[in-house]
Amino acid sequence: MTNKKFKFEFKDESFGHSISFESDDSDDKILDTSIDNGVTTIYGNRKAFLVLAKTFAKLALGEYKAGFHFHLGKDFCEEDIIEVAFVD
């Protein structure tokens, strides 16, 4: 087993009621969802999941209030495929 470390510094944007996705400018991030029999599945490659991990770290460590939400689009580009809402 290999030990790995996730270190991430970010600017807390929660006071401005916004959140941004941290990633390189490459277009090789794959993200999509499907709903089958009431079960939502998120499909993604490593780069897409790293973007999500950073975004969720911001959400968990920031000062966001209940009701804050953001929208994810297919491959982080298109219209909404899923909404992520913060509850407190």
PDB file of N, CA and C in Angstrom:
ATOM      1  N   MET A   1       0.835  -1.168   0.000  1.00  0.00           N
ATOM      2  CA  MET A   1       0.000   0.000   0.000  1.00  0.00           C
ATOM      3  C   MET A   1       0.891   1.246   0.000  1.00  0.00           C
ATOM      4  N   THR A   2       0.544   2.208  -0.831  1.00  0.00           N
ATOM      5  CA  THR A   2       1.282   3.451  -0.925  1.00  0.00           C
ATOM      6  C   THR A   2       0.524   4.558  -0.200  1.00  0.00           C
ATOM      7  N   ASN A   3       1.210   5.276   0.668  1.00  0.00           N
ATOM      8  CA  ASN A   3       0.600   6.432   1.325  1.00  0.00           C
ATOM      9  C   ASN A   3       0.657   7.630   0.396  1.00  0.00           C
ATOM     10  N   LYS A   4      -0.442   8.346   0.310  1.00  0.00           N
ATOM     11  CA  LYS A   4      -0.505   9.545  -0.521  1.00  0.00           C
ATOM     12  C   LYS A   4      -1.020  10.690   0.318  1.00  0.00           C
ATOM     13  N   LYS A   5      -0.693  11.903  -0.076  1.00  0.00           N
ATOM     14  CA  LYS A   5      -1.096  13.098   0.658  1.00  0.00           C
ATOM     15  C   LYS A   5      -1.844  14.034  -0.284  1.00  0.00           C
ATOM     16  N   PHE A   6      -2.904  14.623   0.225  1.00  0.00           N
ATOM     17  CA  PHE A   6      -3.691  15.604  -0.532  1.00  0.00           C
ATOM     18  C   PHE A   6      -3.493  16.948   0.157  1.00  0.00           C
ATOM     19  N   LYS A   7      -2.736  17.822  -0.462  1.00  0.00           N
ATOM     20  CA  LYS A   7      -2.477  19.150   0.082  1.00  0.00           C
ATOM     21  C   LYS A   7      -3.042  20.170  -0.896  1.00  0.00           C
ATOM     22  N   PHE A   8      -3.817  21.090  -0.353  1.00  0.00           N
ATOM     23  CA  PHE A   8      -4.532  22.017  -1.230  1.00  0.00           C
ATOM     24  C   PHE A   8      -4.731  23.344  -0.501  1.00  0.00           C
ATOM     25  N   GLU A   9      -4.181  24.405  -1.052  1.00  0.00           N
ATOM     26  CA  GLU A   9      -4.397  25.746  -0.523  1.00  0.00           C
ATOM     27  C   GLU A   9      -5.353  26.466  -1.454  1.00  0.00           C
ATOM     28  N   PHE A  10      -6.268  27.233  -0.858  1.00  0.00           N
ATOM     29  CA  PHE A  10      -7.249  27.931  -1.684  1.00  0.00           C
ATOM     30  C   PHE A  10      -7.691  29.209  -0.996  1.00  0.00           C
ATOM     31  N   LYS A  11      -8.224  30.105  -1.793  1.00  0.00           N
ATOM     32  CA  LYS A  11      -8.804  31.343  -1.287  1.00  0.00           C
ATOM     33  C   LYS A  11     -10.256  31.058  -0.916  1.00  0.00           C
ATOM     34  N   ASP A  12     -10.641  31.393   0.322  1.00  0.00           N
ATOM     35  CA  ASP A  12     -12.012  31.168   0.772  1.00  0.00           C
ATOM     36  C   ASP A  12     -12.930  32.183   0.100  1.00  0.00           C
ATOM     37  N   GLU A  13     -13.774  31.700  -0.784  1.00  0.00           N
ATOM     38  CA  GLU A  13     -14.693  32.553  -1.540  1.00  0.00           C
ATOM     39  C   GLU A  13     -16.086  32.588  -0.925  1.00  0.00           C
ATOM     40  N   SER A  14     -16.253  31.919   0.232  1.00  0.00           N
ATOM     41  CA  SER A  14     -17.597  31.777   0.800  1.00  0.00           C
ATOM     42  C   SER A  14     -18.218  33.116   1.180  1.00  0.00           C
ATOM     43  N   PHE A  15     -17.401  34.090   1.552  1.00  0.00           N
ATOM     44  CA  PHE A  15     -17.950  35.393   1.949  1.00  0.00           C
ATOM     45  C   PHE A  15     -18.542  36.128   0.745  1.00  0.00           C
ATOM     46  N   GLY A  16     -18.118  35.772  -0.439  1.00  0.00           N
ATOM     47  CA  GLY A  16     -18.683  36.335  -1.657  1.00  0.00           C
ATOM     48  C   GLY A  16     -19.785  35.474  -2.232  1.00  0.00           C
ATOM     49  N   HIS A  17     -20.170  34.419  -1.515  1.00  0.00           N
ATOM     50  CA  HIS A  17     -21.234  33.506  -1.932  1.00  0.00           C
ATOM     51  C   HIS A  17     -20.947  32.885  -3.296  1.00  0.00           C
ATOM     52  N   SER A  18     -19.684  32.516  -3.514  1.00  0.00           N
ATOM     53  CA  SER A  18     -19.327  31.868  -4.775  1.00  0.00           C
ATOM     54  C   SER A  18     -18.302  30.780  -4.500  1.00  0.00           C
ATOM     55  N   ILE A  19     -18.092  29.963  -5.504  1.00  0.00           N
ATOM     56  CA  ILE A  19     -17.078  28.914  -5.442  1.00  0.00           C
ATOM     57  C   ILE A  19     -16.561  28.731  -6.860  1.00  0.00           C
ATOM     58  N   SER A  20     -15.280  28.470  -6.996  1.00  0.00           N
ATOM     59  CA  SER A  20     -14.718  28.272  -8.329  1.00  0.00           C
ATOM     60  C   SER A  20     -14.068  26.896  -8.395  1.00  0.00           C
ATOM     61  N   PHE A  21     -13.999  26.366  -9.587  1.00  0.00           N
ATOM     62  CA  PHE A  21     -13.382  25.070  -9.810  1.00  0.00           C
ATOM     63  C   PHE A  21     -11.888  25.277 -10.037  1.00  0.00           C
ATOM     64  N   GLU A  22     -11.059  24.543  -9.290  1.00  0.00           N
ATOM     65  CA  GLU A  22      -9.599  24.625  -9.414  1.00  0.00           C
ATOM     66  C   GLU A  22      -9.125  23.524 -10.342  1.00  0.00           C
ATOM     67  N   SER A  23      -8.580  23.893 -11.491  1.00  0.00           N
ATOM     68  CA  SER A  23      -8.047  22.888 -12.399  1.00  0.00           C
ATOM     69  C   SER A  23      -7.105  23.547 -13.387  1.00  0.00           C
ATOM     70  N   ASP A  24      -6.373  22.714 -14.096  1.00  0.00           N
ATOM     71  CA  ASP A  24      -5.558  23.249 -15.168  1.00  0.00           C
ATOM     72  C   ASP A  24      -6.478  23.582 -16.343  1.00  0.00           C
ATOM     73  N   ASP A  25      -5.945  24.156 -17.363  1.00  0.00           N
ATOM     74  CA  ASP A  25      -6.778  24.573 -18.491  1.00  0.00           C
ATOM     75  C   ASP A  25      -7.003  23.478 -19.527  1.00  0.00           C
ATOM     76  N   SER A  26      -6.528  22.282 -19.259  1.00  0.00           N
ATOM     77  CA  SER A  26      -6.689  21.206 -20.242  1.00  0.00           C
ATOM     78  C   SER A  26      -8.156  20.806 -20.343  1.00  0.00           C
ATOM     79  N   ASP A  27      -8.500  20.279 -21.492  1.00  0.00           N
ATOM     80  CA  ASP A  27      -9.877  19.881 -21.766  1.00  0.00           C
ATOM     81  C   ASP A  27     -10.108  18.387 -21.557  1.00  0.00           C
ATOM     82  N   ASP A  28      -9.207  17.714 -20.852  1.00  0.00           N
ATOM     83  CA  ASP A  28      -9.331  16.268 -20.743  1.00  0.00           C
ATOM     84  C   ASP A  28     -10.002  15.809 -19.448  1.00  0.00           C
ATOM     85  N   LYS A  29     -10.820  16.677 -18.854  1.00  0.00           N
ATOM     86  CA  LYS A  29     -11.600  16.297 -17.682  1.00  0.00           C
ATOM     87  C   LYS A  29     -12.945  15.759 -18.159  1.00  0.00           C
ATOM     88  N   ILE A  30     -13.279  14.547 -17.743  1.00  0.00           N
ATOM     89  CA  ILE A  30     -14.523  13.911 -18.168  1.00  0.00           C
ATOM     90  C   ILE A  30     -15.435  13.776 -16.964  1.00  0.00           C
ATOM     91  N   LEU A  31     -16.623  14.355 -17.049  1.00  0.00           N
ATOM     92  CA  LEU A  31     -17.607  14.282 -15.976  1.00  0.00           C
ATOM     93  C   LEU A  31     -18.987  14.140 -16.591  1.00  0.00           C
ATOM     94  N   ASP A  32     -19.762  13.199 -16.068  1.00  0.00           N
ATOM     95  CA  ASP A  32     -21.128  13.005 -16.540  1.00  0.00           C
ATOM     96  C   ASP A  32     -21.908  12.292 -15.441  1.00  0.00           C
ATOM     97  N   THR A  33     -23.212  12.280 -15.566  1.00  0.00           N
ATOM     98  CA  THR A  33     -24.065  11.576 -14.611  1.00  0.00           C
ATOM     99  C   THR A  33     -25.142  10.816 -15.358  1.00  0.00           C
ATOM    100  N   SER A  34     -25.733   9.856 -14.643  1.00  0.00           N
ATOM    101  CA  SER A  34     -26.931   9.193 -15.151  1.00  0.00           C
ATOM    102  C   SER A  34     -27.797   8.833 -13.955  1.00  0.00           C
ATOM    103  N   ILE A  35     -29.086   8.693 -14.208  1.00  0.00           N
ATOM    104  CA  ILE A  35     -30.025   8.259 -13.177  1.00  0.00           C
ATOM    105  C   ILE A  35     -30.728   7.024 -13.710  1.00  0.00           C
ATOM    106  N   ASP A  36     -30.526   5.912 -13.015  1.00  0.00           N
ATOM    107  CA  ASP A  36     -31.139   4.643 -13.402  1.00  0.00           C
ATOM    108  C   ASP A  36     -31.829   4.049 -12.191  1.00  0.00           C
ATOM    109  N   ASN A  37     -33.126   3.786 -12.325  1.00  0.00           N
ATOM    110  CA  ASN A  37     -33.916   3.221 -11.233  1.00  0.00           C
ATOM    111  C   ASN A  37     -33.792   4.027  -9.941  1.00  0.00           C
ATOM    112  N   GLY A  38     -33.727   5.350 -10.077  1.00  0.00           N
ATOM    113  CA  GLY A  38     -33.664   6.231  -8.922  1.00  0.00           C
ATOM    114  C   GLY A  38     -32.283   6.395  -8.312  1.00  0.00           C
ATOM    115  N   VAL A  39     -31.259   5.792  -8.905  1.00  0.00           N
ATOM    116  CA  VAL A  39     -29.898   5.891  -8.395  1.00  0.00           C
ATOM    117  C   VAL A  39     -29.084   6.807  -9.310  1.00  0.00           C
ATOM    118  N   THR A  40     -28.503   7.860  -8.727  1.00  0.00           N
ATOM    119  CA  THR A  40     -27.666   8.776  -9.494  1.00  0.00           C
ATOM    120  C   THR A  40     -26.229   8.279  -9.474  1.00  0.00           C
ATOM    121  N   THR A  41     -25.616   8.197 -10.640  1.00  0.00           N
ATOM    122  CA  THR A  41     -24.220   7.782 -10.761  1.00  0.00           C
ATOM    123  C   THR A  41     -23.433   8.934 -11.372  1.00  0.00           C
ATOM    124  N   ILE A  42     -22.286   9.240 -10.772  1.00  0.00           N
ATOM    125  CA  ILE A  42     -21.381  10.252 -11.318  1.00  0.00           C
ATOM    126  C   ILE A  42     -20.217   9.519 -11.957  1.00  0.00           C
ATOM    127  N   TYR A  43     -19.980   9.790 -13.236  1.00  0.00           N
ATOM    128  CA  TYR A  43     -18.882   9.198 -13.976  1.00  0.00           C
ATOM    129  C   TYR A  43     -17.816  10.264 -14.169  1.00  0.00           C
ATOM    130  N   GLY A  44     -16.563   9.913 -13.964  1.00  0.00           N
ATOM    131  CA  GLY A  44     -15.504  10.882 -14.198  1.00  0.00           C
ATOM    132  C   GLY A  44     -14.148  10.220 -14.282  1.00  0.00           C
ATOM    133  N   ASN A  45     -13.203  10.951 -14.851  1.00  0.00           N
ATOM    134  CA  ASN A  45     -11.832  10.459 -14.866  1.00  0.00           C
ATOM    135  C   ASN A  45     -11.082  11.086 -13.685  1.00  0.00           C
ATOM    136  N   ARG A  46      -9.811  10.736 -13.527  1.00  0.00           N
ATOM    137  CA  ARG A  46      -9.038  11.199 -12.373  1.00  0.00           C
ATOM    138  C   ARG A  46      -8.995  12.719 -12.269  1.00  0.00           C
ATOM    139  N   LYS A  47      -8.793  13.390 -13.396  1.00  0.00           N
ATOM    140  CA  LYS A  47      -8.705  14.852 -13.364  1.00  0.00           C
ATOM    141  C   LYS A  47     -10.026  15.472 -12.918  1.00  0.00           C
ATOM    142  N   ALA A  48     -11.136  14.918 -13.374  1.00  0.00           N
ATOM    143  CA  ALA A  48     -12.446  15.441 -12.974  1.00  0.00           C
ATOM    144  C   ALA A  48     -12.688  15.213 -11.485  1.00  0.00           C
ATOM    145  N   PHE A  49     -12.336  14.038 -10.977  1.00  0.00           N
ATOM    146  CA  PHE A  49     -12.532  13.765  -9.557  1.00  0.00           C
ATOM    147  C   PHE A  49     -11.614  14.612  -8.687  1.00  0.00           C
ATOM    148  N   LEU A  50     -10.433  14.968  -9.193  1.00  0.00           N
ATOM    149  CA  LEU A  50      -9.559  15.868  -8.442  1.00  0.00           C
ATOM    150  C   LEU A  50     -10.183  17.265  -8.353  1.00  0.00           C
ATOM    151  N   VAL A  51     -10.783  17.724  -9.435  1.00  0.00           N
ATOM    152  CA  VAL A  51     -11.495  19.004  -9.403  1.00  0.00           C
ATOM    153  C   VAL A  51     -12.635  18.945  -8.381  1.00  0.00           C
ATOM    154  N   LEU A  52     -13.393  17.850  -8.386  1.00  0.00           N
ATOM    155  CA  LEU A  52     -14.483  17.703  -7.415  1.00  0.00           C
ATOM    156  C   LEU A  52     -13.942  17.651  -5.981  1.00  0.00           C
ATOM    157  N   ALA A  53     -12.836  16.937  -5.759  1.00  0.00           N
ATOM    158  CA  ALA A  53     -12.252  16.852  -4.415  1.00  0.00           C
ATOM    159  C   ALA A  53     -11.870  18.242  -3.912  1.00  0.00           C
ATOM    160  N   LYS A  54     -11.257  19.040  -4.756  1.00  0.00           N
ATOM    161  CA  LYS A  54     -10.874  20.399  -4.365  1.00  0.00           C
ATOM    162  C   LYS A  54     -12.109  21.246  -4.087  1.00  0.00           C
ATOM    163  N   THR A  55     -13.142  21.082  -4.900  1.00  0.00           N
ATOM    164  CA  THR A  55     -14.372  21.851  -4.718  1.00  0.00           C
ATOM    165  C   THR A  55     -15.057  21.461  -3.416  1.00  0.00           C
ATOM    166  N   PHE A  56     -15.126  20.165  -3.130  1.00  0.00           N
ATOM    167  CA  PHE A  56     -15.745  19.716  -1.877  1.00  0.00           C
ATOM    168  C   PHE A  56     -14.916  20.133  -0.666  1.00  0.00           C
ATOM    169  N   ALA A  57     -13.587  20.181  -0.796  1.00  0.00           N
ATOM    170  CA  ALA A  57     -12.737  20.670   0.298  1.00  0.00           C
ATOM    171  C   ALA A  57     -13.055  22.140   0.576  1.00  0.00           C
ATOM    172  N   LYS A  58     -13.224  22.931  -0.468  1.00  0.00           N
ATOM    173  CA  LYS A  58     -13.602  24.339  -0.288  1.00  0.00           C
ATOM    174  C   LYS A  58     -14.945  24.448   0.418  1.00  0.00           C
ATOM    175  N   LEU A  59     -15.889  23.615   0.002  1.00  0.00           N
ATOM    176  CA  LEU A  59     -17.224  23.643   0.590  1.00  0.00           C
ATOM    177  C   LEU A  59     -17.165  23.252   2.067  1.00  0.00           C
ATOM    178  N   ALA A  60     -16.391  22.234   2.393  1.00  0.00           N
ATOM    179  CA  ALA A  60     -16.314  21.740   3.767  1.00  0.00           C
ATOM    180  C   ALA A  60     -15.542  22.681   4.685  1.00  0.00           C
ATOM    181  N   LEU A  61     -14.516  23.326   4.171  1.00  0.00           N
ATOM    182  CA  LEU A  61     -13.650  24.153   5.008  1.00  0.00           C
ATOM    183  C   LEU A  61     -13.998  25.633   4.982  1.00  0.00           C
ATOM    184  N   GLY A  62     -14.818  26.050   4.026  1.00  0.00           N
ATOM    185  CA  GLY A  62     -15.213  27.457   3.930  1.00  0.00           C
ATOM    186  C   GLY A  62     -16.304  27.794   4.935  1.00  0.00           C
ATOM    187  N   GLU A  63     -16.803  28.988   4.840  1.00  0.00           N
ATOM    188  CA  GLU A  63     -17.849  29.470   5.760  1.00  0.00           C
ATOM    189  C   GLU A  63     -19.209  29.536   5.047  1.00  0.00           C
ATOM    190  N   TYR A  64     -19.481  28.569   4.203  1.00  0.00           N
ATOM    191  CA  TYR A  64     -20.738  28.557   3.453  1.00  0.00           C
ATOM    192  C   TYR A  64     -21.912  28.326   4.390  1.00  0.00           C
ATOM    193  N   LYS A  65     -23.037  28.912   4.053  1.00  0.00           N
ATOM    194  CA  LYS A  65     -24.262  28.800   4.854  1.00  0.00           C
ATOM    195  C   LYS A  65     -25.240  27.860   4.164  1.00  0.00           C
ATOM    196  N   ALA A  66     -26.175  27.345   4.952  1.00  0.00           N
ATOM    197  CA  ALA A  66     -27.222  26.483   4.409  1.00  0.00           C
ATOM    198  C   ALA A  66     -27.912  27.195   3.248  1.00  0.00           C
ATOM    199  N   GLY A  67     -28.166  26.471   2.210  1.00  0.00           N
ATOM    200  CA  GLY A  67     -28.804  27.032   1.022  1.00  0.00           C
ATOM    201  C   GLY A  67     -27.818  27.327  -0.097  1.00  0.00           C
ATOM    202  N   PHE A  68     -26.525  27.448   0.230  1.00  0.00           N
ATOM    203  CA  PHE A  68     -25.547  27.662  -0.830  1.00  0.00           C
ATOM    204  C   PHE A  68     -25.541  26.432  -1.731  1.00  0.00           C
ATOM    205  N   HIS A  69     -25.454  26.657  -3.010  1.00  0.00           N
ATOM    206  CA  HIS A  69     -25.404  25.545  -3.956  1.00  0.00           C
ATOM    207  C   HIS A  69     -24.601  25.941  -5.181  1.00  0.00           C
ATOM    208  N   PHE A  70     -24.151  24.932  -5.899  1.00  0.00           N
ATOM    209  CA  PHE A  70     -23.499  25.177  -7.183  1.00  0.00           C
ATOM    210  C   PHE A  70     -23.938  24.102  -8.160  1.00  0.00           C
ATOM    211  N   HIS A  71     -23.740  24.388  -9.414  1.00  0.00           N
ATOM    212  CA  HIS A  71     -24.186  23.509 -10.491  1.00  0.00           C
ATOM    213  C   HIS A  71     -22.974  22.929 -11.206  1.00  0.00           C
ATOM    214  N   LEU A  72     -23.067  21.664 -11.506  1.00  0.00           N
ATOM    215  CA  LEU A  72     -22.036  21.002 -12.295  1.00  0.00           C
ATOM    216  C   LEU A  72     -22.604  20.704 -13.672  1.00  0.00           C
ATOM    217  N   GLY A  73     -21.798  20.921 -14.674  1.00  0.00           N
ATOM    218  CA  GLY A  73     -22.196  20.603 -16.032  1.00  0.00           C
ATOM    219  C   GLY A  73     -21.352  19.480 -16.583  1.00  0.00           C
ATOM    220  N   LYS A  74     -21.838  18.852 -17.621  1.00  0.00           N
ATOM    221  CA  LYS A  74     -21.089  17.774 -18.277  1.00  0.00           C
ATOM    222  C   LYS A  74     -19.699  18.281 -18.641  1.00  0.00           C
ATOM    223  N   ASP A  75     -18.689  17.571 -18.209  1.00  0.00           N
ATOM    224  CA  ASP A  75     -17.292  17.942 -18.448  1.00  0.00           C
ATOM    225  C   ASP A  75     -16.979  19.360 -17.964  1.00  0.00           C
ATOM    226  N   PHE A  76     -17.731  19.840 -16.969  1.00  0.00           N
ATOM    227  CA  PHE A  76     -17.576  21.166 -16.369  1.00  0.00           C
ATOM    228  C   PHE A  76     -17.852  22.295 -17.366  1.00  0.00           C
ATOM    229  N   CYS A  77     -18.536  22.011 -18.462  1.00  0.00           N
ATOM    230  CA  CYS A  77     -18.729  23.014 -19.504  1.00  0.00           C
ATOM    231  C   CYS A  77     -20.194  23.330 -19.795  1.00  0.00           C
ATOM    232  N   GLU A  78     -21.021  22.322 -19.904  1.00  0.00           N
ATOM    233  CA  GLU A  78     -22.369  22.517 -20.413  1.00  0.00           C
ATOM    234  C   GLU A  78     -23.357  22.857 -19.307  1.00  0.00           C
ATOM    235  N   GLU A  79     -24.621  22.890 -19.669  1.00  0.00           N
ATOM    236  CA  GLU A  79     -25.684  23.163 -18.707  1.00  0.00           C
ATOM    237  C   GLU A  79     -25.703  22.132 -17.596  1.00  0.00           C
ATOM    238  N   ASP A  80     -26.488  22.420 -16.590  1.00  0.00           N
ATOM    239  CA  ASP A  80     -26.549  21.595 -15.386  1.00  0.00           C
ATOM    240  C   ASP A  80     -26.799  20.122 -15.674  1.00  0.00           C
ATOM    241  N   ILE A  81     -26.028  19.299 -14.982  1.00  0.00           N
ATOM    242  CA  ILE A  81     -26.357  17.874 -14.925  1.00  0.00           C
ATOM    243  C   ILE A  81     -26.628  17.481 -13.487  1.00  0.00           C
ATOM    244  N   ILE A  82     -26.141  18.284 -12.547  1.00  0.00           N
ATOM    245  CA  ILE A  82     -26.381  18.000 -11.130  1.00  0.00           C
ATOM    246  C   ILE A  82     -26.224  19.284 -10.327  1.00  0.00           C
ATOM    247  N   GLU A  83     -26.997  19.402  -9.271  1.00  0.00           N
ATOM    248  CA  GLU A  83     -26.879  20.535  -8.355  1.00  0.00           C
ATOM    249  C   GLU A  83     -26.358  20.007  -7.029  1.00  0.00           C
ATOM    250  N   VAL A  84     -25.384  20.688  -6.453  1.00  0.00           N
ATOM    251  CA  VAL A  84     -24.824  20.322  -5.154  1.00  0.00           C
ATOM    252  C   VAL A  84     -25.245  21.402  -4.174  1.00  0.00           C
ATOM    253  N   ALA A  85     -25.959  21.010  -3.121  1.00  0.00           N
ATOM    254  CA  ALA A  85     -26.497  21.979  -2.154  1.00  0.00           C
ATOM    255  C   ALA A  85     -25.909  21.730  -0.773  1.00  0.00           C
ATOM    256  N   PHE A  86     -25.559  22.800  -0.075  1.00  0.00           N
ATOM    257  CA  PHE A  86     -24.990  22.739   1.257  1.00  0.00           C
ATOM    258  C   PHE A  86     -26.115  22.886   2.283  1.00  0.00           C
ATOM    259  N   VAL A  87     -26.157  21.963   3.232  1.00  0.00           N
ATOM    260  CA  VAL A  87     -27.109  22.059   4.338  1.00  0.00           C
ATOM    261  C   VAL A  87     -26.301  22.097   5.627  1.00  0.00           C
ATOM    262  N   ASP A  88     -26.856  22.754   6.621  1.00  0.00           N
ATOM    263  CA  ASP A  88     -26.123  22.904   7.877  1.00  0.00           C
ATOM    264  C   ASP A  88     -26.911  22.331   9.018  1.00  0.00           C
TER     265      ASP A  88
END
